[in-house]
Structure formats: structure tokens, C-alpha cells
Protein backbone atom coordinates (compact mmCIF):
# COMPACT_ATOMS: atom_id res chain seq x y z
CA MET A 1 5.14 10.14 -16.69
CA PRO A 2 5.93 13.36 -15.02
CA GLU A 3 9.67 14.63 -14.63
CA LEU A 4 11.47 12.72 -11.94
CA VAL A 5 14.28 13.25 -9.59
CA GLU A 6 16.42 10.40 -7.75
CA ARG A 7 16.24 9.83 -4.00
CA SER A 8 17.84 7.51 -1.99
CA LEU A 9 16.91 6.29 1.36
CA SER A 10 17.00 3.56 4.28
CA VAL A 11 13.93 1.74 5.27
CA ALA A 12 14.42 -1.44 7.88
CA GLY A 13 18.27 -1.14 7.30
CA ARG A 14 18.22 -1.77 3.50
CA ALA A 15 18.77 1.28 0.67
CA LEU A 16 16.28 1.82 -1.84
CA ASP A 17 17.31 3.89 -4.82
CA LEU A 18 14.38 5.29 -6.05
CA LEU A 19 13.21 7.84 -8.98
CA LEU A 20 10.28 10.00 -7.59
CA PRO A 21 7.98 12.62 -9.72
CA ARG A 22 10.02 16.49 -9.05
CA ASP A 23 6.92 18.24 -8.28
CA LEU A 24 3.90 17.16 -6.81
CA GLU A 25 2.01 20.60 -7.59
CA GLU A 26 2.37 20.13 -11.34
CA LEU A 27 0.24 16.84 -11.48
CA PHE A 28 -2.60 18.42 -10.33
CA THR A 29 -4.42 19.29 -13.62
CA PRO A 30 -7.93 20.45 -13.89
CA ARG A 31 -9.31 17.01 -14.10
CA ALA A 32 -7.57 16.33 -10.74
CA TYR A 33 -8.87 19.32 -8.77
CA ALA A 34 -12.66 18.69 -10.67
CA ASP A 35 -12.65 15.18 -9.52
CA GLU A 36 -10.33 14.04 -6.16
CA ARG A 37 -10.40 10.42 -7.47
CA PHE A 38 -7.76 11.76 -9.78
CA ALA A 39 -5.60 13.67 -7.56
CA PRO A 40 -2.06 12.51 -7.80
CA TYR A 41 -1.66 11.42 -4.13
CA TRP A 42 0.04 8.04 -5.54
CA ALA A 43 2.99 10.31 -6.03
CA GLU A 44 3.35 11.77 -2.72
CA LEU A 45 6.44 9.25 -0.38
CA TRP A 46 3.85 9.69 2.54
CA PRO A 47 5.01 8.73 6.30
CA SER A 48 2.34 5.91 6.33
CA ALA A 49 4.28 4.11 3.42
CA LEU A 50 7.46 4.04 5.65
CA ALA A 51 5.89 2.84 8.65
CA LEU A 52 4.59 0.22 6.66
CA ALA A 53 7.63 -0.87 4.66
CA ASP A 54 9.22 -1.04 8.19
CA ALA A 55 6.89 -3.64 9.27
CA VAL A 56 6.58 -5.89 6.27
CA ALA A 57 10.44 -6.40 6.43
CA ALA A 58 10.04 -8.52 9.26
CA VAL A 59 7.56 -10.73 7.93
CA ALA A 60 9.01 -14.22 7.13
CA PRO A 61 10.30 -15.01 3.54
CA GLY A 62 7.69 -16.50 1.18
CA THR A 63 4.91 -14.57 2.47
CA ARG A 64 2.65 -14.18 -0.56
CA THR A 65 1.61 -10.27 0.03
CA LEU A 66 -0.74 -7.91 -2.07
CA GLU A 67 -0.40 -4.16 -1.78
CA LEU A 68 -3.32 -2.28 -2.36
CA GLY A 69 -3.23 1.46 -4.01
CA CYS A 70 0.40 0.84 -3.55
CA GLY A 71 1.39 4.54 -5.25
CA LEU A 72 5.14 4.84 -4.89
CA GLY A 73 4.92 1.09 -3.79
CA VAL A 74 7.70 1.24 -0.83
CA PRO A 75 6.32 -1.22 1.10
CA SER A 76 6.28 -3.31 -1.91
CA LEU A 77 9.64 -3.10 -2.55
CA ARG A 78 10.80 -3.67 0.82
CA ALA A 79 8.44 -6.65 1.42
CA ALA A 80 10.01 -8.02 -2.05
CA LEU A 81 13.59 -7.37 -0.47
CA ALA A 82 12.48 -9.15 2.30
CA GLY A 83 11.96 -12.27 -0.14
CA HIS A 84 7.94 -11.84 0.01
CA ASP A 85 6.34 -13.31 -3.18
CA VAL A 86 4.43 -9.54 -4.00
CA THR A 87 1.75 -7.99 -6.31
CA ALA A 88 1.63 -4.69 -5.99
CA THR A 89 -1.59 -2.96 -6.99
CA ASP A 90 -2.91 1.16 -8.03
CA TRP A 91 -5.16 2.06 -10.35
CA THR A 92 -2.89 4.84 -11.90
CA PRO A 93 -1.28 3.73 -14.66
CA ASP A 94 1.95 6.03 -14.14
CA ALA A 95 2.03 4.47 -10.25
CA VAL A 96 2.23 1.52 -11.83
CA ALA A 97 5.03 2.45 -14.73
CA LEU A 98 7.07 4.22 -12.06
CA LEU A 99 6.94 1.18 -9.28
CA GLU A 100 8.00 -1.34 -12.57
CA GLY A 101 10.84 1.27 -12.90
CA ASN A 102 12.02 0.84 -9.59
CA ALA A 103 11.83 -2.54 -8.92
CA ALA A 104 14.52 -2.93 -11.74
CA ARG A 105 16.61 0.12 -10.07
CA ASN A 106 16.89 -2.14 -6.85
CA GLY A 107 16.74 -5.76 -7.94
CA ALA A 108 13.44 -6.43 -6.31
CA ARG A 109 11.25 -9.14 -8.14
CA LEU A 110 7.46 -8.41 -7.58
CA ALA A 111 4.12 -7.91 -10.12
CA VAL A 112 2.63 -4.90 -10.32
CA ARG A 113 -0.72 -4.87 -11.72
CA ALA A 114 -3.22 -1.57 -12.41
CA TRP A 115 -6.25 -2.48 -10.52
CA ASP A 116 -9.12 -1.02 -8.91
CA TRP A 117 -10.23 -2.91 -5.79
CA THR A 118 -13.91 -2.11 -6.48
CA THR A 119 -13.63 -4.52 -9.32
CA ASP A 120 -13.68 -8.43 -9.62
CA PRO A 121 -10.04 -9.42 -8.00
CA ALA A 122 -9.94 -13.09 -10.09
CA PRO A 123 -6.85 -11.58 -12.12
CA LEU A 124 -4.64 -11.33 -9.07
CA ASP A 125 -4.95 -14.55 -8.20
CA PRO A 126 -6.10 -14.84 -4.57
CA PRO A 127 -5.96 -15.07 -1.63
CA PHE A 128 -3.04 -13.65 -0.35
CA ASP A 129 -1.32 -14.33 3.61
CA LEU A 130 -0.93 -10.67 4.07
CA VAL A 131 -2.80 -7.97 2.23
CA VAL A 132 -1.36 -4.32 3.36
CA ALA A 133 -2.06 -0.87 2.67
CA ALA A 134 -0.48 2.60 3.33
CA ASP A 135 -3.11 5.70 3.87
CA VAL A 136 -5.90 4.68 1.74
CA LEU A 137 -8.67 6.30 4.05
CA TYR A 138 -8.74 9.81 3.01
CA GLU A 139 -12.56 9.72 3.10
CA ARG A 140 -15.21 7.74 4.64
CA ALA A 141 -16.14 6.43 1.04
CA GLN A 142 -13.17 4.25 1.36
CA VAL A 143 -14.06 2.43 4.54
CA GLY A 144 -16.55 0.50 2.73
CA THR A 145 -14.85 -0.23 -0.39
CA VAL A 146 -11.97 -1.43 1.35
CA LEU A 147 -13.72 -3.18 3.40
CA THR A 148 -15.94 -5.20 1.05
CA ALA A 149 -12.93 -5.74 -1.06
CA LEU A 150 -10.77 -7.80 1.94
CA PRO A 151 -12.90 -10.74 2.15
CA ALA A 152 -12.32 -12.18 -1.33
CA LEU A 153 -8.06 -11.28 -0.84
CA VAL A 154 -7.20 -12.90 2.44
CA ALA A 155 -6.70 -16.35 2.71
CA PRO A 156 -8.33 -18.06 5.83
CA GLY A 157 -5.74 -17.04 9.07
CA GLY A 158 -4.18 -14.18 7.30
CA GLN A 159 -3.93 -10.43 7.83
CA VAL A 160 -4.66 -7.30 6.74
CA TRP A 161 -2.25 -4.74 7.60
CA VAL A 162 -3.34 -0.94 7.07
CA ALA A 163 -1.14 2.08 7.84
CA ASP A 164 -2.69 5.83 8.74
CA PRO A 165 -1.45 8.56 10.30
CA GLY A 166 -4.74 9.50 12.42
CA ARG A 167 -7.53 10.27 9.65
CA PRO A 168 -10.91 10.17 11.05
CA ALA A 169 -12.18 7.54 8.61
CA ALA A 170 -9.35 5.08 10.24
CA ARG A 171 -11.41 5.39 13.49
CA GLU A 172 -14.65 4.10 11.15
CA PHE A 173 -12.29 1.79 9.58
CA THR A 174 -11.26 -0.50 12.72
CA ALA A 175 -14.87 0.39 14.16
CA ARG A 176 -16.68 -1.62 11.50
CA ALA A 177 -13.70 -4.24 10.54
CA ALA A 178 -13.72 -5.29 14.28
CA ARG A 179 -17.24 -6.83 13.61
CA ASP A 180 -15.99 -9.30 11.48
CA TRP A 181 -12.22 -9.70 12.19
CA ALA A 182 -10.39 -9.51 15.35
CA VAL A 183 -8.38 -6.03 15.59
CA ASP A 184 -4.99 -4.71 17.01
CA ARG A 185 -1.75 -3.13 16.00
CA VAL A 186 1.71 -3.48 14.88
CA PRO A 187 4.29 -2.34 16.22
CA HIS A 188 6.76 -0.75 13.73
CA ALA A 189 10.11 1.64 13.91
CA GLY A 190 8.60 3.92 11.30
CA PRO A 191 7.28 7.64 11.58
CA ALA A 192 5.87 7.67 15.25
CA GLU A 193 2.36 9.46 14.18
CA VAL A 194 1.14 6.30 12.06
CA ALA A 195 -0.63 3.69 13.40
CA ILE A 196 -0.38 0.00 11.68
CA HIS A 197 -3.92 -1.45 12.00
CA ARG A 198 -4.00 -5.24 11.86
CA LEU A 199 -6.95 -7.02 10.66
CA ARG A 200 -6.74 -10.97 11.44
CA ALA A 201 -8.93 -13.36 9.31
CA PRO A 202 -10.76 -16.50 10.91
CA ALA A 203 -8.72 -19.66 10.18
């Protein structure tokens, strides 16, 4: 686990007390430079996560919610504090351990699981009413893997919210998603550069 520092922030009117990695650069190991799959993107507090956290706070309590590639898990924390039944997932063990600790610090009840969205989702006990993700479309390769994973995760009539700051891969994602899903956007009061793309599953 990297060295951590405390940070407080307010999301949708709720204060969060977090431990965050002190220095992102320290996490760029030779392995991370050699293979971007191991880059420590999970350790950054991205604007997309703040926008998504603001939006999920307005969703009705009791919503069964899954976060993909949660990283620091701020949307999952805010959803749990709003009364959602939350499962947060990331494939990075440090991200899972840190989110578990931050959930305890903030009195947020949620499940955190180590999971790669290219693998069998059965251990997560799908389907979910709402599947969310923040800034997961770094490259075009993620477009296909995310779209392939979603049908097994989302309940009939459920929704997917993907927050993104305008990466080229996000445009491809929404274009391809529109073949099978109804696609629009979710309003939010978070960082203005972020769009939250909403995919609606058939009932």
C-alpha cells in the first residue's frame, strides 16, 4: 500500500473523509511503465468520479448499484451514503483495500470486490439496477470490453452511467452502444468538463 494522506471533500452536500495516495508518481513502477494495464490510474481523484458521485446521490435509496473500475470509489461511497445497495469493483488489490478502509471511515456500508470485467460476473450476483463507471475509457480497447460485459450485469429496464471528460474512446463507446441501448446523458452539478453518458436497457 502506498503512503497515504488525509483529504476531506464535500460531494452533493455530504462530507467525505478520505485517505488517498500521497504521490501518484511514486506508484509508477517499471512494470507500470512497461504495461499501461498496471498504471496506477486508480489512485487519482478524477473529475469524472466527482461528477458521477454527484449524480448517483440523487438516485432513490435501495437501488442495487455496481461500480466498475472503482479506483478510489468516491461514487460508490456517495451512493452507499445515499442508501444504495452498492458493490464496488476494481482489479487492483490496493484499490480494493483502500476503499474498504475509506468506507469504514465514513460509515458507508458497501461490498468491495476484486474483479476484472473481462471475467465471469457470477461472483458479483448480477443483475444490477444501475451500473456506473468513471473514466474507464482511456483507450479504444476498453470500448469493446465494457460493452461486452454490460448485458450480463444490468437488469431488464436498468441503466448504465459512464462518466467521461471527452476522451475519443467515449465517442466510439456511445456510438456503438446506441445499436442496442437507448443513449442520452445524465445532468449533474460536478465538474463541467465531464459528461455522464446514460445507457438504458430494454425492459
